[in-house]
């Protein structure tokens, strides 16, 4: 019979630069510059986070999965995407000039 999940993650602070995530006795900064898909999320979307295993976090309302290690060491996990970003969703992205 499977055990009960006892891991709890909590968002403790949100600023314009990112948010802080408490995992047990460790608090980690999740900067929007390194994790841009969180930039336009609502407070409810950010705070609804699951921690199913020691190295796996999941935001169900955003359908975002992250390794805890990618937050601790984002330089080891470069962002690579074959899909172009939607500039209208990027809060600080330069806007194209309109004719």
PDB file of N, CA and C in Angstrom:
ATOM      1  N   UNK A   1       0.846  -1.170   0.000  1.00  0.00           N
ATOM      2  CA  UNK A   1       0.000   0.000   0.000  1.00  0.00           C
ATOM      3  C   UNK A   1       0.896   1.239   0.000  1.00  0.00           C
ATOM      4  N   UNK A   2       0.671   2.181  -0.923  1.00  0.00           N
ATOM      5  CA  UNK A   2       1.509   3.376  -0.989  1.00  0.00           C
ATOM      6  C   UNK A   2       1.366   4.244   0.251  1.00  0.00           C
ATOM      7  N   UNK A   3       2.470   4.933   0.599  1.00  0.00           N
ATOM      8  CA  UNK A   3       2.461   5.838   1.743  1.00  0.00           C
ATOM      9  C   UNK A   3       1.836   7.173   1.390  1.00  0.00           C
ATOM     10  N   UNK A   4       1.607   7.971   2.402  1.00  0.00           N
ATOM     11  CA  UNK A   4       1.052   9.299   2.213  1.00  0.00           C
ATOM     12  C   UNK A   4       2.165  10.282   1.894  1.00  0.00           C
ATOM     13  N   UNK A   5       1.935  11.151   0.927  1.00  0.00           N
ATOM     14  CA  UNK A   5       2.905  12.172   0.562  1.00  0.00           C
ATOM     15  C   UNK A   5       2.979  13.196   1.694  1.00  0.00           C
ATOM     16  N   UNK A   6       4.188  13.375   2.265  1.00  0.00           N
ATOM     17  CA  UNK A   6       4.350  14.317   3.372  1.00  0.00           C
ATOM     18  C   UNK A   6       5.165  15.545   2.985  1.00  0.00           C
ATOM     19  N   UNK A   7       5.593  15.624   1.727  1.00  0.00           N
ATOM     20  CA  UNK A   7       6.370  16.771   1.280  1.00  0.00           C
ATOM     21  C   UNK A   7       5.435  17.946   1.025  1.00  0.00           C
ATOM     22  N   UNK A   8       5.771  19.105   1.569  1.00  0.00           N
ATOM     23  CA  UNK A   8       4.955  20.294   1.363  1.00  0.00           C
ATOM     24  C   UNK A   8       5.841  21.433   0.890  1.00  0.00           C
ATOM     25  N   UNK A   9       5.422  22.081  -0.176  1.00  0.00           N
ATOM     26  CA  UNK A   9       6.109  23.254  -0.705  1.00  0.00           C
ATOM     27  C   UNK A   9       5.225  24.457  -0.451  1.00  0.00           C
ATOM     28  N   UNK A  10       5.858  25.599  -0.164  1.00  0.00           N
ATOM     29  CA  UNK A  10       5.087  26.814   0.123  1.00  0.00           C
ATOM     30  C   UNK A  10       5.781  28.018  -0.491  1.00  0.00           C
ATOM     31  N   UNK A  11       5.013  28.847  -1.175  1.00  0.00           N
ATOM     32  CA  UNK A  11       5.524  30.119  -1.670  1.00  0.00           C
ATOM     33  C   UNK A  11       5.435  31.098  -0.509  1.00  0.00           C
ATOM     34  N   UNK A  12       6.585  31.683  -0.132  1.00  0.00           N
ATOM     35  CA  UNK A  12       6.611  32.553   1.045  1.00  0.00           C
ATOM     36  C   UNK A  12       6.640  34.039   0.712  1.00  0.00           C
ATOM     37  N   UNK A  13       7.051  34.386  -0.507  1.00  0.00           N
ATOM     38  CA  UNK A  13       7.151  35.798  -0.883  1.00  0.00           C
ATOM     39  C   UNK A  13       7.159  35.894  -2.401  1.00  0.00           C
ATOM     40  N   UNK A  14       6.513  36.934  -2.932  1.00  0.00           N
ATOM     41  CA  UNK A  14       6.507  37.188  -4.368  1.00  0.00           C
ATOM     42  C   UNK A  14       6.884  38.649  -4.580  1.00  0.00           C
ATOM     43  N   UNK A  15       7.794  38.878  -5.512  1.00  0.00           N
ATOM     44  CA  UNK A  15       8.165  40.255  -5.869  1.00  0.00           C
ATOM     45  C   UNK A  15       8.160  40.363  -7.386  1.00  0.00           C
ATOM     46  N   UNK A  16       8.486  41.534  -7.891  1.00  0.00           N
ATOM     47  CA  UNK A  16       8.529  41.712  -9.345  1.00  0.00           C
ATOM     48  C   UNK A  16       9.721  40.971  -9.963  1.00  0.00           C
ATOM     49  N   UNK A  17      10.651  40.501  -9.141  1.00  0.00           N
ATOM     50  CA  UNK A  17      11.850  39.812  -9.631  1.00  0.00           C
ATOM     51  C   UNK A  17      11.741  38.298  -9.581  1.00  0.00           C
ATOM     52  N   UNK A  18      10.804  37.775  -8.780  1.00  0.00           N
ATOM     53  CA  UNK A  18      10.671  36.341  -8.647  1.00  0.00           C
ATOM     54  C   UNK A  18       9.870  35.994  -7.407  1.00  0.00           C
ATOM     55  N   UNK A  19       9.967  34.744  -7.001  1.00  0.00           N
ATOM     56  CA  UNK A  19       9.287  34.316  -5.780  1.00  0.00           C
ATOM     57  C   UNK A  19      10.161  33.339  -5.006  1.00  0.00           C
ATOM     58  N   UNK A  20       9.890  33.270  -3.705  1.00  0.00           N
ATOM     59  CA  UNK A  20      10.646  32.400  -2.818  1.00  0.00           C
ATOM     60  C   UNK A  20       9.793  31.195  -2.485  1.00  0.00           C
ATOM     61  N   UNK A  21      10.430  30.036  -2.564  1.00  0.00           N
ATOM     62  CA  UNK A  21       9.761  28.765  -2.380  1.00  0.00           C
ATOM     63  C   UNK A  21      10.397  28.049  -1.202  1.00  0.00           C
ATOM     64  N   UNK A  22       9.597  27.706  -0.201  1.00  0.00           N
ATOM     65  CA  UNK A  22      10.076  26.981   0.973  1.00  0.00           C
ATOM     66  C   UNK A  22       9.845  25.499   0.755  1.00  0.00           C
ATOM     67  N   UNK A  23      10.943  24.744   0.771  1.00  0.00           N
ATOM     68  CA  UNK A  23      10.908  23.286   0.623  1.00  0.00           C
ATOM     69  C   UNK A  23      11.528  22.690   1.875  1.00  0.00           C
ATOM     70  N   UNK A  24      10.680  22.258   2.797  1.00  0.00           N
ATOM     71  CA  UNK A  24      11.200  21.777   4.076  1.00  0.00           C
ATOM     72  C   UNK A  24      11.864  22.920   4.807  1.00  0.00           C
ATOM     73  N   UNK A  25      13.163  22.788   5.098  1.00  0.00           N
ATOM     74  CA  UNK A  25      13.890  23.869   5.785  1.00  0.00           C
ATOM     75  C   UNK A  25      14.779  24.671   4.830  1.00  0.00           C
ATOM     76  N   UNK A  26      14.581  24.494   3.523  1.00  0.00           N
ATOM     77  CA  UNK A  26      15.357  25.214   2.507  1.00  0.00           C
ATOM     78  C   UNK A  26      14.457  26.197   1.764  1.00  0.00           C
ATOM     79  N   UNK A  27      14.885  27.461   1.669  1.00  0.00           N
ATOM     80  CA  UNK A  27      14.135  28.446   0.919  1.00  0.00           C
ATOM     81  C   UNK A  27      14.928  28.818  -0.329  1.00  0.00           C
ATOM     82  N   UNK A  28      14.268  28.742  -1.480  1.00  0.00           N
ATOM     83  CA  UNK A  28      14.922  28.988  -2.761  1.00  0.00           C
ATOM     84  C   UNK A  28      14.257  30.142  -3.486  1.00  0.00           C
ATOM     85  N   UNK A  29      15.061  30.991  -4.114  1.00  0.00           N
ATOM     86  CA  UNK A  29      14.550  32.045  -4.968  1.00  0.00           C
ATOM     87  C   UNK A  29      14.328  31.470  -6.360  1.00  0.00           C
ATOM     88  N   UNK A  30      13.167  31.735  -6.925  1.00  0.00           N
ATOM     89  CA  UNK A  30      12.841  31.351  -8.298  1.00  0.00           C
ATOM     90  C   UNK A  30      12.739  32.665  -9.089  1.00  0.00           C
ATOM     91  N   UNK A  31      13.863  33.120  -9.676  1.00  0.00           N
ATOM     92  CA  UNK A  31      13.846  34.411 -10.377  1.00  0.00           C
ATOM     93  C   UNK A  31      13.132  34.303 -11.732  1.00  0.00           C
ATOM     94  N   UNK A  32      12.327  35.313 -12.036  1.00  0.00           N
ATOM     95  CA  UNK A  32      11.618  35.323 -13.312  1.00  0.00           C
ATOM     96  C   UNK A  32      12.585  35.375 -14.489  1.00  0.00           C
ATOM     97  N   UNK A  33      13.769  35.935 -14.291  1.00  0.00           N
ATOM     98  CA  UNK A  33      14.754  35.988 -15.374  1.00  0.00           C
ATOM     99  C   UNK A  33      15.217  34.591 -15.781  1.00  0.00           C
ATOM    100  N   UNK A  34      15.251  33.665 -14.844  1.00  0.00           N
ATOM    101  CA  UNK A  34      15.668  32.284 -15.125  1.00  0.00           C
ATOM    102  C   UNK A  34      14.474  31.369 -15.435  1.00  0.00           C
ATOM    103  N   UNK A  35      13.295  31.741 -14.942  1.00  0.00           N
ATOM    104  CA  UNK A  35      12.089  30.921 -15.092  1.00  0.00           C
ATOM    105  C   UNK A  35      10.951  31.802 -15.604  1.00  0.00           C
ATOM    106  N   UNK A  36      11.045  32.257 -16.875  1.00  0.00           N
ATOM    107  CA  UNK A  36      10.123  33.272 -17.398  1.00  0.00           C
ATOM    108  C   UNK A  36       8.660  32.838 -17.495  1.00  0.00           C
ATOM    109  N   UNK A  37       8.385  31.551 -17.531  1.00  0.00           N
ATOM    110  CA  UNK A  37       6.989  31.098 -17.650  1.00  0.00           C
ATOM    111  C   UNK A  37       6.173  31.423 -16.401  1.00  0.00           C
ATOM    112  N   UNK A  38       6.819  31.815 -15.302  1.00  0.00           N
ATOM    113  CA  UNK A  38       6.098  32.204 -14.088  1.00  0.00           C
ATOM    114  C   UNK A  38       5.783  33.705 -14.052  1.00  0.00           C
ATOM    115  N   UNK A  39       6.399  34.505 -14.910  1.00  0.00           N
ATOM    116  CA  UNK A  39       6.303  35.962 -14.844  1.00  0.00           C
ATOM    117  C   UNK A  39       4.858  36.466 -14.902  1.00  0.00           C
ATOM    118  N   UNK A  40       4.017  35.917 -15.742  1.00  0.00           N
ATOM    119  CA  UNK A  40       2.645  36.397 -15.906  1.00  0.00           C
ATOM    120  C   UNK A  40       1.640  35.577 -15.096  1.00  0.00           C
ATOM    121  N   UNK A  41       2.113  34.676 -14.256  1.00  0.00           N
ATOM    122  CA  UNK A  41       1.219  33.837 -13.456  1.00  0.00           C
ATOM    123  C   UNK A  41       0.547  34.654 -12.358  1.00  0.00           C
ATOM    124  N   UNK A  42      -0.647  34.239 -11.990  1.00  0.00           N
ATOM    125  CA  UNK A  42      -1.336  34.872 -10.870  1.00  0.00           C
ATOM    126  C   UNK A  42      -0.752  34.352  -9.557  1.00  0.00           C
ATOM    127  N   UNK A  43      -1.084  35.028  -8.472  1.00  0.00           N
ATOM    128  CA  UNK A  43      -0.631  34.574  -7.153  1.00  0.00           C
ATOM    129  C   UNK A  43      -1.150  33.166  -6.884  1.00  0.00           C
ATOM    130  N   UNK A  44      -2.410  32.927  -7.199  1.00  0.00           N
ATOM    131  CA  UNK A  44      -2.992  31.603  -6.984  1.00  0.00           C
ATOM    132  C   UNK A  44      -2.260  30.538  -7.793  1.00  0.00           C
ATOM    133  N   UNK A  45      -1.927  30.843  -9.039  1.00  0.00           N
ATOM    134  CA  UNK A  45      -1.203  29.883  -9.871  1.00  0.00           C
ATOM    135  C   UNK A  45       0.186  29.589  -9.311  1.00  0.00           C
ATOM    136  N   UNK A  46       0.883  30.616  -8.822  1.00  0.00           N
ATOM    137  CA  UNK A  46       2.211  30.403  -8.240  1.00  0.00           C
ATOM    138  C   UNK A  46       2.137  29.594  -6.949  1.00  0.00           C
ATOM    139  N   UNK A  47       1.137  29.899  -6.130  1.00  0.00           N
ATOM    140  CA  UNK A  47       1.040  29.271  -4.806  1.00  0.00           C
ATOM    141  C   UNK A  47       0.489  27.857  -4.847  1.00  0.00           C
ATOM    142  N   UNK A  48      -0.106  27.470  -5.964  1.00  0.00           N
ATOM    143  CA  UNK A  48      -0.613  26.105  -6.097  1.00  0.00           C
ATOM    144  C   UNK A  48       0.508  25.243  -6.661  1.00  0.00           C
ATOM    145  N   UNK A  49       1.355  24.764  -5.765  1.00  0.00           N
ATOM    146  CA  UNK A  49       2.526  23.976  -6.153  1.00  0.00           C
ATOM    147  C   UNK A  49       2.513  22.661  -5.396  1.00  0.00           C
ATOM    148  N   UNK A  50       2.847  21.602  -6.098  1.00  0.00           N
ATOM    149  CA  UNK A  50       2.933  20.263  -5.513  1.00  0.00           C
ATOM    150  C   UNK A  50       4.389  19.825  -5.501  1.00  0.00           C
ATOM    151  N   UNK A  51       4.746  19.047  -4.501  1.00  0.00           N
ATOM    152  CA  UNK A  51       6.114  18.530  -4.341  1.00  0.00           C
ATOM    153  C   UNK A  51       6.012  17.017  -4.187  1.00  0.00           C
ATOM    154  N   UNK A  52       5.757  16.301  -5.289  1.00  0.00           N
ATOM    155  CA  UNK A  52       5.491  14.863  -5.198  1.00  0.00           C
ATOM    156  C   UNK A  52       6.702  14.011  -4.824  1.00  0.00           C
ATOM    157  N   UNK A  53       7.902  14.441  -5.221  1.00  0.00           N
ATOM    158  CA  UNK A  53       9.123  13.711  -4.850  1.00  0.00           C
ATOM    159  C   UNK A  53      10.186  14.734  -4.478  1.00  0.00           C
ATOM    160  N   UNK A  54      11.262  14.280  -3.890  1.00  0.00           N
ATOM    161  CA  UNK A  54      12.303  15.174  -3.381  1.00  0.00           C
ATOM    162  C   UNK A  54      12.868  16.123  -4.442  1.00  0.00           C
ATOM    163  N   UNK A  55      12.905  15.707  -5.711  1.00  0.00           N
ATOM    164  CA  UNK A  55      13.483  16.559  -6.753  1.00  0.00           C
ATOM    165  C   UNK A  55      12.472  16.977  -7.813  1.00  0.00           C
ATOM    166  N   UNK A  56      11.179  16.883  -7.522  1.00  0.00           N
ATOM    167  CA  UNK A  56      10.171  17.208  -8.536  1.00  0.00           C
ATOM    168  C   UNK A  56       9.123  18.146  -7.973  1.00  0.00           C
ATOM    169  N   UNK A  57       8.933  19.277  -8.650  1.00  0.00           N
ATOM    170  CA  UNK A  57       7.883  20.239  -8.306  1.00  0.00           C
ATOM    171  C   UNK A  57       6.934  20.350  -9.488  1.00  0.00           C
ATOM    172  N   UNK A  58       5.654  20.585  -9.180  1.00  0.00           N
ATOM    173  CA  UNK A  58       4.647  20.684 -10.235  1.00  0.00           C
ATOM    174  C   UNK A  58       3.642  21.778  -9.900  1.00  0.00           C
ATOM    175  N   UNK A  59       3.424  22.671 -10.851  1.00  0.00           N
ATOM    176  CA  UNK A  59       2.409  23.720 -10.757  1.00  0.00           C
ATOM    177  C   UNK A  59       1.264  23.307 -11.672  1.00  0.00           C
ATOM    178  N   UNK A  60       0.219  22.660 -11.140  1.00  0.00           N
ATOM    179  CA  UNK A  60      -0.844  22.115 -11.993  1.00  0.00           C
ATOM    180  C   UNK A  60      -1.618  23.167 -12.787  1.00  0.00           C
ATOM    181  N   UNK A  61      -1.827  24.341 -12.245  1.00  0.00           N
ATOM    182  CA  UNK A  61      -2.582  25.366 -12.972  1.00  0.00           C
ATOM    183  C   UNK A  61      -1.795  25.945 -14.143  1.00  0.00           C
ATOM    184  N   UNK A  62      -0.472  25.794 -14.108  1.00  0.00           N
ATOM    185  CA  UNK A  62       0.388  26.286 -15.180  1.00  0.00           C
ATOM    186  C   UNK A  62       0.931  25.160 -16.047  1.00  0.00           C
ATOM    187  N   UNK A  63       0.731  23.924 -15.613  1.00  0.00           N
ATOM    188  CA  UNK A  63       1.282  22.736 -16.258  1.00  0.00           C
ATOM    189  C   UNK A  63       2.802  22.863 -16.418  1.00  0.00           C
ATOM    190  N   UNK A  64       3.459  23.246 -15.309  1.00  0.00           N
ATOM    191  CA  UNK A  64       4.917  23.404 -15.281  1.00  0.00           C
ATOM    192  C   UNK A  64       5.498  22.383 -14.308  1.00  0.00           C
ATOM    193  N   UNK A  65       6.463  21.608 -14.788  1.00  0.00           N
ATOM    194  CA  UNK A  65       7.226  20.670 -13.976  1.00  0.00           C
ATOM    195  C   UNK A  65       8.653  21.172 -13.902  1.00  0.00           C
ATOM    196  N   UNK A  66       9.233  21.132 -12.706  1.00  0.00           N
ATOM    197  CA  UNK A  66      10.631  21.539 -12.542  1.00  0.00           C
ATOM    198  C   UNK A  66      11.349  20.584 -11.615  1.00  0.00           C
ATOM    199  N   UNK A  67      12.609  20.404 -11.886  1.00  0.00           N
ATOM    200  CA  UNK A  67      13.495  19.724 -10.963  1.00  0.00           C
ATOM    201  C   UNK A  67      13.938  20.738  -9.906  1.00  0.00           C
ATOM    202  N   UNK A  68      13.988  20.338  -8.656  1.00  0.00           N
ATOM    203  CA  UNK A  68      14.477  21.216  -7.599  1.00  0.00           C
ATOM    204  C   UNK A  68      15.915  21.631  -7.918  1.00  0.00           C
ATOM    205  N   UNK A  69      16.681  20.728  -8.475  1.00  0.00           N
ATOM    206  CA  UNK A  69      18.072  21.040  -8.841  1.00  0.00           C
ATOM    207  C   UNK A  69      18.141  22.167  -9.860  1.00  0.00           C
ATOM    208  N   UNK A  70      17.140  22.278 -10.737  1.00  0.00           N
ATOM    209  CA  UNK A  70      17.164  23.357 -11.729  1.00  0.00           C
ATOM    210  C   UNK A  70      16.957  24.721 -11.076  1.00  0.00           C
ATOM    211  N   UNK A  71      16.316  24.755  -9.915  1.00  0.00           N
ATOM    212  CA  UNK A  71      16.164  26.008  -9.175  1.00  0.00           C
ATOM    213  C   UNK A  71      17.445  26.308  -8.403  1.00  0.00           C
ATOM    214  N   UNK A  72      18.022  25.283  -7.804  1.00  0.00           N
ATOM    215  CA  UNK A  72      19.282  25.476  -7.069  1.00  0.00           C
ATOM    216  C   UNK A  72      20.416  25.898  -7.995  1.00  0.00           C
ATOM    217  N   UNK A  73      20.465  25.311  -9.190  1.00  0.00           N
ATOM    218  CA  UNK A  73      21.567  25.538 -10.127  1.00  0.00           C
ATOM    219  C   UNK A  73      21.032  25.758 -11.540  1.00  0.00           C
ATOM    220  N   UNK A  74      20.379  26.901 -11.786  1.00  0.00           N
ATOM    221  CA  UNK A  74      19.799  27.111 -13.119  1.00  0.00           C
ATOM    222  C   UNK A  74      20.839  27.131 -14.243  1.00  0.00           C
ATOM    223  N   UNK A  75      22.069  27.448 -13.919  1.00  0.00           N
ATOM    224  CA  UNK A  75      23.112  27.468 -14.949  1.00  0.00           C
ATOM    225  C   UNK A  75      23.368  26.081 -15.546  1.00  0.00           C
ATOM    226  N   UNK A  76      23.011  25.036 -14.839  1.00  0.00           N
ATOM    227  CA  UNK A  76      23.171  23.656 -15.330  1.00  0.00           C
ATOM    228  C   UNK A  76      22.012  23.230 -16.229  1.00  0.00           C
ATOM    229  N   UNK A  77      20.952  24.041 -16.286  1.00  0.00           N
ATOM    230  CA  UNK A  77      19.747  23.706 -17.031  1.00  0.00           C
ATOM    231  C   UNK A  77      19.364  24.871 -17.943  1.00  0.00           C
ATOM    232  N   UNK A  78      20.120  25.100 -19.017  1.00  0.00           N
ATOM    233  CA  UNK A  78      19.807  26.250 -19.883  1.00  0.00           C
ATOM    234  C   UNK A  78      18.433  26.092 -20.531  1.00  0.00           C
ATOM    235  N   UNK A  79      17.737  27.236 -20.666  1.00  0.00           N
ATOM    236  CA  UNK A  79      16.431  27.234 -21.320  1.00  0.00           C
ATOM    237  C   UNK A  79      16.639  27.101 -22.819  1.00  0.00           C
ATOM    238  N   UNK A  80      16.013  26.087 -23.406  1.00  0.00           N
ATOM    239  CA  UNK A  80      16.092  25.884 -24.840  1.00  0.00           C
ATOM    240  C   UNK A  80      14.689  25.552 -25.319  1.00  0.00           C
ATOM    241  N   UNK A  81      14.238  26.273 -26.336  1.00  0.00           N
ATOM    242  CA  UNK A  81      12.916  26.021 -26.872  1.00  0.00           C
ATOM    243  C   UNK A  81      12.918  26.188 -28.372  1.00  0.00           C
ATOM    244  N   UNK A  82      12.213  25.290 -29.052  1.00  0.00           N
ATOM    245  CA  UNK A  82      12.074  25.398 -30.497  1.00  0.00           C
ATOM    246  C   UNK A  82      10.887  26.282 -30.857  1.00  0.00           C
ATOM    247  N   UNK A  83      10.093  26.665 -29.868  1.00  0.00           N
ATOM    248  CA  UNK A  83       8.906  27.477 -30.086  1.00  0.00           C
ATOM    249  C   UNK A  83       9.237  28.933 -29.805  1.00  0.00           C
ATOM    250  N   UNK A  84       8.841  29.819 -30.677  1.00  0.00           N
ATOM    251  CA  UNK A  84       9.067  31.246 -30.451  1.00  0.00           C
ATOM    252  C   UNK A  84       8.175  31.742 -29.334  1.00  0.00           C
ATOM    253  N   UNK A  85       8.709  32.616 -28.510  1.00  0.00           N
ATOM    254  CA  UNK A  85       7.943  33.203 -27.417  1.00  0.00           C
ATOM    255  C   UNK A  85       6.914  34.165 -27.981  1.00  0.00           C
ATOM    256  N   UNK A  86       5.775  34.256 -27.313  1.00  0.00           N
ATOM    257  CA  UNK A  86       4.736  35.209 -27.679  1.00  0.00           C
ATOM    258  C   UNK A  86       5.082  36.533 -27.008  1.00  0.00           C
ATOM    259  N   UNK A  87       5.511  37.564 -27.764  1.00  0.00           N
ATOM    260  CA  UNK A  87       5.956  38.816 -27.154  1.00  0.00           C
ATOM    261  C   UNK A  87       4.873  39.504 -26.331  1.00  0.00           C
ATOM    262  N   UNK A  88       3.604  39.281 -26.653  1.00  0.00           N
ATOM    263  CA  UNK A  88       2.543  39.936 -25.882  1.00  0.00           C
ATOM    264  C   UNK A  88       2.453  39.378 -24.468  1.00  0.00           C
ATOM    265  N   UNK A  89       3.028  38.200 -24.228  1.00  0.00           N
ATOM    266  CA  UNK A  89       3.014  37.608 -22.896  1.00  0.00           C
ATOM    267  C   UNK A  89       4.267  37.943 -22.100  1.00  0.00           C
ATOM    268  N   UNK A  90       5.234  38.565 -22.723  1.00  0.00           N
ATOM    269  CA  UNK A  90       6.487  38.895 -22.066  1.00  0.00           C
ATOM    270  C   UNK A  90       6.408  40.319 -21.542  1.00  0.00           C
ATOM    271  N   UNK A  91       6.290  40.472 -20.242  1.00  0.00           N
ATOM    272  CA  UNK A  91       6.097  41.773 -19.627  1.00  0.00           C
ATOM    273  C   UNK A  91       7.197  42.777 -19.891  1.00  0.00           C
ATOM    274  N   UNK A  92       8.445  42.327 -20.025  1.00  0.00           N
ATOM    275  CA  UNK A  92       9.537  43.285 -20.213  1.00  0.00           C
ATOM    276  C   UNK A  92      10.212  43.144 -21.569  1.00  0.00           C
ATOM    277  N   UNK A  93       9.595  42.392 -22.477  1.00  0.00           N
ATOM    278  CA  UNK A  93      10.184  42.221 -23.795  1.00  0.00           C
ATOM    279  C   UNK A  93       9.948  43.475 -24.626  1.00  0.00           C
ATOM    280  N   UNK A  94      10.930  43.855 -25.455  1.00  0.00           N
ATOM    281  CA  UNK A  94      10.722  45.027 -26.306  1.00  0.00           C
ATOM    282  C   UNK A  94       9.572  44.765 -27.284  1.00  0.00           C
ATOM    283  N   UNK A  95       8.760  45.754 -27.494  1.00  0.00           N
ATOM    284  CA  UNK A  95       7.649  45.638 -28.425  1.00  0.00           C
ATOM    285  C   UNK A  95       8.097  46.050 -29.815  1.00  0.00           C
ATOM    286  N   UNK A  96       7.631  45.336 -30.809  1.00  0.00           N
ATOM    287  CA  UNK A  96       7.964  45.663 -32.198  1.00  0.00           C
ATOM    288  C   UNK A  96       7.273  46.967 -32.582  1.00  0.00           C
ATOM    289  N   UNK A  97       7.966  47.742 -33.389  1.00  0.00           N
ATOM    290  CA  UNK A  97       7.376  48.997 -33.872  1.00  0.00           C
ATOM    291  C   UNK A  97       6.220  48.688 -34.808  1.00  0.00           C
ATOM    292  N   UNK A  98       5.166  49.460 -34.679  1.00  0.00           N
ATOM    293  CA  UNK A  98       4.003  49.264 -35.556  1.00  0.00           C
ATOM    294  C   UNK A  98       4.043  50.298 -36.669  1.00  0.00           C
ATOM    295  N   UNK A  99       3.698  49.879 -37.891  1.00  0.00           N
ATOM    296  CA  UNK A  99       3.733  50.824 -39.011  1.00  0.00           C
ATOM    297  C   UNK A  99       2.640  51.869 -38.887  1.00  0.00           C
TER     298      UNK A  99
END
